[in-house]
C-alpha atoms as a PDB file:
ATOM      1  CA  UNK A   1      11.616  -6.009   5.071  1.00  0.00           C
ATOM      2  CA  UNK A   2       9.515  -4.014   2.659  1.00  0.00           C
ATOM      3  CA  UNK A   3       6.649  -3.227   4.962  1.00  0.00           C
ATOM      4  CA  UNK A   4       7.620  -0.883   7.846  1.00  0.00           C
ATOM      5  CA  UNK A   5       5.779   1.280  10.375  1.00  0.00           C
ATOM      6  CA  UNK A   6       7.042   4.902  10.650  1.00  0.00           C
ATOM      7  CA  UNK A   7       5.517   7.411  13.170  1.00  0.00           C
ATOM      8  CA  UNK A   8       3.179   8.803  10.383  1.00  0.00           C
ATOM      9  CA  UNK A   9       2.575   6.048   7.820  1.00  0.00           C
ATOM     10  CA  UNK A  10       2.833   2.483   6.820  1.00  0.00           C
ATOM     11  CA  UNK A  11       5.727   2.390   4.311  1.00  0.00           C
ATOM     12  CA  UNK A  12       6.287   0.009   1.484  1.00  0.00           C
ATOM     13  CA  UNK A  13       9.813  -0.050   0.233  1.00  0.00           C
ATOM     14  CA  UNK A  14      11.302  -1.732  -2.770  1.00  0.00           C
ATOM     15  CA  UNK A  15       9.637  -4.638  -4.530  1.00  0.00           C
ATOM     16  CA  UNK A  16       6.825  -6.014  -2.397  1.00  0.00           C
ATOM     17  CA  UNK A  17       6.113  -9.684  -3.062  1.00  0.00           C
ATOM     18  CA  UNK A  18       3.211 -11.960  -1.913  1.00  0.00           C
ATOM     19  CA  UNK A  19       5.395 -12.977   1.123  1.00  0.00           C
ATOM     20  CA  UNK A  20       4.788  -9.437   2.475  1.00  0.00           C
ATOM     21  CA  UNK A  21       1.059  -9.653   2.527  1.00  0.00           C
ATOM     22  CA  UNK A  22       0.712 -11.186   6.015  1.00  0.00           C
ATOM     23  CA  UNK A  23       3.070  -8.571   7.340  1.00  0.00           C
ATOM     24  CA  UNK A  24       0.940  -5.792   5.759  1.00  0.00           C
ATOM     25  CA  UNK A  25      -2.248  -7.190   7.036  1.00  0.00           C
ATOM     26  CA  UNK A  26      -0.780  -7.423  10.644  1.00  0.00           C
ATOM     27  CA  UNK A  27       0.436  -3.727  10.384  1.00  0.00           C
ATOM     28  CA  UNK A  28      -2.952  -2.575   8.972  1.00  0.00           C
ATOM     29  CA  UNK A  29      -4.902  -4.336  11.745  1.00  0.00           C
ATOM     30  CA  UNK A  30      -2.782  -2.747  14.468  1.00  0.00           C
ATOM     31  CA  UNK A  31      -2.910   0.681  13.004  1.00  0.00           C
ATOM     32  CA  UNK A  32      -6.315   1.262  11.383  1.00  0.00           C
ATOM     33  CA  UNK A  33      -6.499   4.461   9.329  1.00  0.00           C
ATOM     34  CA  UNK A  34      -2.834   5.174   9.167  1.00  0.00           C
ATOM     35  CA  UNK A  35      -1.865   6.287   5.674  1.00  0.00           C
ATOM     36  CA  UNK A  36       0.199   4.037   3.395  1.00  0.00           C
ATOM     37  CA  UNK A  37       3.283   5.486   1.727  1.00  0.00           C
ATOM     38  CA  UNK A  38       3.999   4.075  -1.750  1.00  0.00           C
ATOM     39  CA  UNK A  39       6.746   6.595  -2.601  1.00  0.00           C
ATOM     40  CA  UNK A  40       9.641   4.143  -2.164  1.00  0.00           C
ATOM     41  CA  UNK A  41       7.806   1.091  -3.463  1.00  0.00           C
ATOM     42  CA  UNK A  42       8.635  -0.738  -6.637  1.00  0.00           C
ATOM     43  CA  UNK A  43       6.504  -3.574  -7.940  1.00  0.00           C
ATOM     44  CA  UNK A  44       3.667  -4.386  -5.601  1.00  0.00           C
ATOM     45  CA  UNK A  45       2.104  -7.888  -5.692  1.00  0.00           C
ATOM     46  CA  UNK A  46      -1.613  -8.022  -6.295  1.00  0.00           C
ATOM     47  CA  UNK A  47      -2.175  -9.519  -2.802  1.00  0.00           C
ATOM     48  CA  UNK A  48      -0.852  -6.328  -1.259  1.00  0.00           C
ATOM     49  CA  UNK A  49      -2.959  -4.163  -3.605  1.00  0.00           C
ATOM     50  CA  UNK A  50      -6.105  -6.055  -2.427  1.00  0.00           C
ATOM     51  CA  UNK A  51      -5.241  -5.222   1.139  1.00  0.00           C
ATOM     52  CA  UNK A  52      -4.519  -1.647   0.275  1.00  0.00           C
ATOM     53  CA  UNK A  53      -7.929  -1.322  -1.387  1.00  0.00           C
ATOM     54  CA  UNK A  54      -9.711  -3.056   1.470  1.00  0.00           C
ATOM     55  CA  UNK A  55      -8.029  -0.943   4.089  1.00  0.00           C
ATOM     56  CA  UNK A  56      -9.466   2.293   2.777  1.00  0.00           C
ATOM     57  CA  UNK A  57      -6.296   4.083   3.954  1.00  0.00           C
ATOM     58  CA  UNK A  58      -5.126   7.323   2.390  1.00  0.00           C
ATOM     59  CA  UNK A  59      -2.203   6.773   0.000  1.00  0.00           C
ATOM     60  CA  UNK A  60       0.893   8.867  -0.126  1.00  0.00           C
ATOM     61  CA  UNK A  61       3.285   9.085  -3.023  1.00  0.00           C
ATOM     62  CA  UNK A  62       3.399   6.754  -6.113  1.00  0.00           C
ATOM     63  CA  UNK A  63       5.276   3.591  -6.605  1.00  0.00           C
ATOM     64  CA  UNK A  64       7.956   3.423  -9.330  1.00  0.00           C
ATOM     65  CA  UNK A  65       5.819   0.962 -11.339  1.00  0.00           C
ATOM     66  CA  UNK A  66       4.453   2.695 -14.325  1.00  0.00           C
ATOM     67  CA  UNK A  67       1.428   0.350 -14.495  1.00  0.00           C
ATOM     68  CA  UNK A  68       0.413   1.139 -10.868  1.00  0.00           C
ATOM     69  CA  UNK A  69       0.821   4.820 -11.402  1.00  0.00           C
ATOM     70  CA  UNK A  70      -1.196   4.996 -14.660  1.00  0.00           C
ATOM     71  CA  UNK A  71      -3.876   2.443 -13.858  1.00  0.00           C
ATOM     72  CA  UNK A  72      -4.253   1.512 -10.183  1.00  0.00           C
ATOM     73  CA  UNK A  73      -3.716   4.800  -8.355  1.00  0.00           C
ATOM     74  CA  UNK A  74      -6.241   6.813 -10.381  1.00  0.00           C
ATOM     75  CA  UNK A  75      -8.855   4.125  -9.662  1.00  0.00           C
ATOM     76  CA  UNK A  76      -8.005   4.074  -6.005  1.00  0.00           C
ATOM     77  CA  UNK A  77      -8.201   7.799  -5.630  1.00  0.00           C
ATOM     78  CA  UNK A  78     -11.871   7.606  -6.736  1.00  0.00           C
ATOM     79  CA  UNK A  79     -12.881   4.674  -4.591  1.00  0.00           C
ATOM     80  CA  UNK A  80     -15.728   4.714  -2.165  1.00  0.00           C
ATOM     81  CA  UNK A  81     -15.002   2.412   0.788  1.00  0.00           C
ATOM     82  CA  UNK A  82     -17.831   1.944   3.313  1.00  0.00           C
END
């Protein structure tokens, strides 16, 4: 399983495919505002990125994906979610 709940964060681990989107949504709904840890994540499917963006949760760490680190994370750090 690539989506897990620790005591302090929602953790994404390894490559996170589209099949993990429903699990992430379930964990996000049950734990609103809990930070999301990306430090052990590899490739993250766009469906999960959409949930991450909509959640407005703080992000911890960076995924190993160079594209995500260079293009997605800087944009997310500047987001304004209402």
